[in-house]
Amino acid sequence: MTELQRLLVTNENDIATSLLMFTQGLEEFDDYLDLLDWFQQLLEQAELTEDVQLASFHPQYQFDGVAPDDLSHFTNRSPYPTIHLLRQDQMTKTLAYVSNPEKIYLDNIETLKKLGRRQVEALCPWGK
């Protein structure tokens, strides 16, 4: 809550975004998803969803309905469970300069496939 408040009251040129990294206690992906869901509900209750967007990362990130060994999961894997707080207005400004922003995640997945499993796992050993 402190970091969210700090982000919202600080000029975007001073603090553009925040990363909440959890080095202990959220090793289980389901526990992390519970926290992420709680945080999203908090934003909704505080009517901040138009101000802040959440991006989520976890060492064992797995998209629902995707095969467990699919390389796409690595787009959201990180050494520690992390919630990225993004200013919604900055995302809107940034995406205005990106042609086909809806393709960003597809391009990321394609890059992972080109690298291949061995290289991706070497670069991201926490996500094996």
C-alpha atoms as a PDB file:
ATOM      1  CA  MET A   1       0.000   0.000   0.000  1.00  0.00           C
ATOM      2  CA  THR A   2       2.841   2.358   0.827  1.00  0.00           C
ATOM      3  CA  GLU A   3       4.444   1.868  -2.563  1.00  0.00           C
ATOM      4  CA  LEU A   4       1.146   2.300  -4.389  1.00  0.00           C
ATOM      5  CA  GLN A   5       0.483   5.526  -2.535  1.00  0.00           C
ATOM      6  CA  ARG A   6       4.031   6.763  -3.197  1.00  0.00           C
ATOM      7  CA  LEU A   7       3.632   6.052  -6.903  1.00  0.00           C
ATOM      8  CA  LEU A   8       0.335   7.908  -7.109  1.00  0.00           C
ATOM      9  CA  VAL A   9       1.447  11.059  -5.289  1.00  0.00           C
ATOM     10  CA  THR A  10       4.869  11.402  -6.942  1.00  0.00           C
ATOM     11  CA  ASN A  11       5.447  13.140 -10.251  1.00  0.00           C
ATOM     12  CA  GLU A  12       5.759  10.573 -13.035  1.00  0.00           C
ATOM     13  CA  ASN A  13       9.096  12.095 -14.063  1.00  0.00           C
ATOM     14  CA  ASP A  14      10.449  11.178 -10.617  1.00  0.00           C
ATOM     15  CA  ILE A  15       8.861   7.741 -10.240  1.00  0.00           C
ATOM     16  CA  ALA A  16       7.407   6.246 -13.376  1.00  0.00           C
ATOM     17  CA  THR A  17       6.748   2.714 -12.186  1.00  0.00           C
ATOM     18  CA  SER A  18       7.286   0.432  -9.190  1.00  0.00           C
ATOM     19  CA  LEU A  19       8.276  -3.180  -8.748  1.00  0.00           C
ATOM     20  CA  LEU A  20       7.141  -5.083  -5.672  1.00  0.00           C
ATOM     21  CA  MET A  21       9.458  -8.066  -5.339  1.00  0.00           C
ATOM     22  CA  PHE A  22       8.791 -10.789  -2.782  1.00  0.00           C
ATOM     23  CA  THR A  23      11.957 -12.686  -1.943  1.00  0.00           C
ATOM     24  CA  GLN A  24      10.232 -14.930   0.612  1.00  0.00           C
ATOM     25  CA  GLY A  25       6.812 -16.373   1.238  1.00  0.00           C
ATOM     26  CA  LEU A  26       5.303 -16.572  -2.250  1.00  0.00           C
ATOM     27  CA  GLU A  27       7.269 -19.447  -3.729  1.00  0.00           C
ATOM     28  CA  GLU A  28       4.043 -21.308  -4.540  1.00  0.00           C
ATOM     29  CA  PHE A  29       2.443 -19.888  -7.688  1.00  0.00           C
ATOM     30  CA  ASP A  30      -1.096 -20.310  -6.294  1.00  0.00           C
ATOM     31  CA  ASP A  31      -0.191 -18.270  -3.197  1.00  0.00           C
ATOM     32  CA  TYR A  32       1.168 -15.558  -5.460  1.00  0.00           C
ATOM     33  CA  LEU A  33      -2.005 -15.580  -7.569  1.00  0.00           C
ATOM     34  CA  ASP A  34      -4.067 -15.139  -4.385  1.00  0.00           C
ATOM     35  CA  LEU A  35      -2.033 -12.048  -3.491  1.00  0.00           C
ATOM     36  CA  LEU A  36      -2.300 -10.707  -7.031  1.00  0.00           C
ATOM     37  CA  ASP A  37      -6.077 -11.206  -6.955  1.00  0.00           C
ATOM     38  CA  TRP A  38      -6.272  -9.431  -3.578  1.00  0.00           C
ATOM     39  CA  PHE A  39      -4.247  -6.524  -4.957  1.00  0.00           C
ATOM     40  CA  GLN A  40      -6.476  -6.253  -8.043  1.00  0.00           C
ATOM     41  CA  GLN A  41      -9.573  -6.213  -5.818  1.00  0.00           C
ATOM     42  CA  LEU A  42      -7.957  -3.500  -3.725  1.00  0.00           C
ATOM     43  CA  LEU A  43      -7.408  -1.360  -6.829  1.00  0.00           C
ATOM     44  CA  GLU A  44     -11.020  -1.908  -7.866  1.00  0.00           C
ATOM     45  CA  GLN A  45     -12.415  -1.027  -4.438  1.00  0.00           C
ATOM     46  CA  ALA A  46     -10.280   2.114  -4.303  1.00  0.00           C
ATOM     47  CA  GLU A  47     -11.374   2.954  -7.867  1.00  0.00           C
ATOM     48  CA  LEU A  48      -7.758   3.071  -9.035  1.00  0.00           C
ATOM     49  CA  THR A  49      -7.966   0.728 -12.028  1.00  0.00           C
ATOM     50  CA  GLU A  50      -7.942   3.720 -14.373  1.00  0.00           C
ATOM     51  CA  ASP A  51      -4.753   4.956 -12.697  1.00  0.00           C
ATOM     52  CA  VAL A  52      -2.714   1.788 -12.128  1.00  0.00           C
ATOM     53  CA  GLN A  53      -2.231  -1.404 -14.096  1.00  0.00           C
ATOM     54  CA  LEU A  54      -0.703  -4.562 -12.652  1.00  0.00           C
ATOM     55  CA  ALA A  55       1.737  -6.771 -14.471  1.00  0.00           C
ATOM     56  CA  SER A  56       2.683 -10.033 -12.819  1.00  0.00           C
ATOM     57  CA  PHE A  57       5.796 -12.182 -12.826  1.00  0.00           C
ATOM     58  CA  HIS A  58       6.762 -15.335 -10.944  1.00  0.00           C
ATOM     59  CA  PRO A  59       9.525 -17.957 -11.281  1.00  0.00           C
ATOM     60  CA  GLN A  60       6.888 -20.605 -12.018  1.00  0.00           C
ATOM     61  CA  TYR A  61       4.454 -18.424 -13.979  1.00  0.00           C
ATOM     62  CA  GLN A  62       2.047 -20.489 -16.025  1.00  0.00           C
ATOM     63  CA  PHE A  63      -0.740 -19.221 -18.250  1.00  0.00           C
ATOM     64  CA  ASP A  64      -4.038 -20.965 -17.667  1.00  0.00           C
ATOM     65  CA  GLY A  65      -4.929 -23.411 -20.413  1.00  0.00           C
ATOM     66  CA  VAL A  66      -1.399 -23.531 -21.884  1.00  0.00           C
ATOM     67  CA  ALA A  67       0.736 -26.671 -21.824  1.00  0.00           C
ATOM     68  CA  PRO A  68       3.105 -26.631 -18.798  1.00  0.00           C
ATOM     69  CA  ASP A  69       6.227 -26.936 -20.983  1.00  0.00           C
ATOM     70  CA  ASP A  70       5.275 -24.114 -23.385  1.00  0.00           C
ATOM     71  CA  LEU A  71       7.965 -21.454 -23.709  1.00  0.00           C
ATOM     72  CA  SER A  72       5.345 -18.676 -23.567  1.00  0.00           C
ATOM     73  CA  HIS A  73       5.351 -18.924 -19.770  1.00  0.00           C
ATOM     74  CA  PHE A  74       8.856 -17.425 -19.748  1.00  0.00           C
ATOM     75  CA  THR A  75       7.443 -14.059 -20.847  1.00  0.00           C
ATOM     76  CA  ASN A  76       6.163 -13.692 -17.282  1.00  0.00           C
ATOM     77  CA  ARG A  77       8.836 -15.551 -15.346  1.00  0.00           C
ATOM     78  CA  SER A  78      11.247 -13.728 -13.075  1.00  0.00           C
ATOM     79  CA  PRO A  79      13.750 -14.662 -10.358  1.00  0.00           C
ATOM     80  CA  TYR A  80      11.288 -13.572  -7.633  1.00  0.00           C
ATOM     81  CA  PRO A  81       7.528 -13.180  -7.439  1.00  0.00           C
ATOM     82  CA  THR A  82       6.976  -9.616  -8.643  1.00  0.00           C
ATOM     83  CA  ILE A  83       4.061  -7.248  -9.094  1.00  0.00           C
ATOM     84  CA  HIS A  84       4.789  -4.389 -11.458  1.00  0.00           C
ATOM     85  CA  LEU A  85       2.751  -1.245 -10.797  1.00  0.00           C
ATOM     86  CA  LEU A  86       2.374   0.713 -14.010  1.00  0.00           C
ATOM     87  CA  ARG A  87       0.796   4.124 -14.416  1.00  0.00           C
ATOM     88  CA  GLN A  88      -2.110   3.669 -16.797  1.00  0.00           C
ATOM     89  CA  ASP A  89      -1.658   7.094 -18.436  1.00  0.00           C
ATOM     90  CA  GLN A  90       2.000   6.358 -19.201  1.00  0.00           C
ATOM     91  CA  MET A  91       1.043   3.030 -20.769  1.00  0.00           C
ATOM     92  CA  THR A  92      -1.504   4.811 -22.948  1.00  0.00           C
ATOM     93  CA  LYS A  93       1.078   7.399 -24.056  1.00  0.00           C
ATOM     94  CA  THR A  94       3.711   4.758 -24.755  1.00  0.00           C
ATOM     95  CA  LEU A  95       1.421   2.427 -26.669  1.00  0.00           C
ATOM     96  CA  ALA A  96       0.394   5.303 -28.927  1.00  0.00           C
ATOM     97  CA  TYR A  97       3.871   4.990 -30.485  1.00  0.00           C
ATOM     98  CA  VAL A  98       3.673   1.236 -30.963  1.00  0.00           C
ATOM     99  CA  SER A  99       2.096  -0.174 -34.071  1.00  0.00           C
ATOM    100  CA  ASN A 100      -0.070  -3.170 -33.208  1.00  0.00           C
ATOM    101  CA  PRO A 101       0.411  -3.131 -29.407  1.00  0.00           C
ATOM    102  CA  GLU A 102      -1.812  -6.199 -29.164  1.00  0.00           C
ATOM    103  CA  LYS A 103       0.998  -8.119 -30.897  1.00  0.00           C
ATOM    104  CA  ILE A 104       3.676  -7.339 -28.309  1.00  0.00           C
ATOM    105  CA  TYR A 105       3.129 -10.543 -26.347  1.00  0.00           C
ATOM    106  CA  LEU A 106       3.028 -12.594 -29.553  1.00  0.00           C
ATOM    107  CA  ASP A 107       6.344 -11.082 -30.663  1.00  0.00           C
ATOM    108  CA  ASN A 108       7.817 -11.937 -27.247  1.00  0.00           C
ATOM    109  CA  ILE A 109       6.691 -15.547 -27.569  1.00  0.00           C
ATOM    110  CA  GLU A 110       8.096 -15.744 -31.100  1.00  0.00           C
ATOM    111  CA  THR A 111      11.451 -14.451 -29.828  1.00  0.00           C
ATOM    112  CA  LEU A 112      11.513 -17.142 -27.140  1.00  0.00           C
ATOM    113  CA  LYS A 113      10.767 -19.820 -29.723  1.00  0.00           C
ATOM    114  CA  LYS A 114      13.591 -18.560 -31.943  1.00  0.00           C
ATOM    115  CA  LEU A 115      15.992 -18.688 -29.002  1.00  0.00           C
ATOM    116  CA  GLY A 116      14.922 -22.248 -28.202  1.00  0.00           C
ATOM    117  CA  ARG A 117      14.376 -23.991 -24.883  1.00  0.00           C
ATOM    118  CA  ARG A 118      18.035 -24.576 -24.082  1.00  0.00           C
ATOM    119  CA  GLN A 119      19.004 -20.917 -24.459  1.00  0.00           C
ATOM    120  CA  VAL A 120      15.871 -19.604 -22.717  1.00  0.00           C
ATOM    121  CA  GLU A 121      16.449 -21.884 -19.729  1.00  0.00           C
ATOM    122  CA  ALA A 122      20.135 -20.900 -19.635  1.00  0.00           C
ATOM    123  CA  LEU A 123      19.142 -17.219 -19.541  1.00  0.00           C
ATOM    124  CA  CYS A 124      16.333 -17.824 -17.044  1.00  0.00           C
ATOM    125  CA  PRO A 125      17.382 -20.784 -14.880  1.00  0.00           C
ATOM    126  CA  TRP A 126      14.830 -19.883 -12.186  1.00  0.00           C
ATOM    127  CA  GLY A 127      12.040 -20.687 -14.627  1.00  0.00           C
ATOM    128  CA  LYS A 128      12.957 -24.307 -15.408  1.00  0.00           C
END
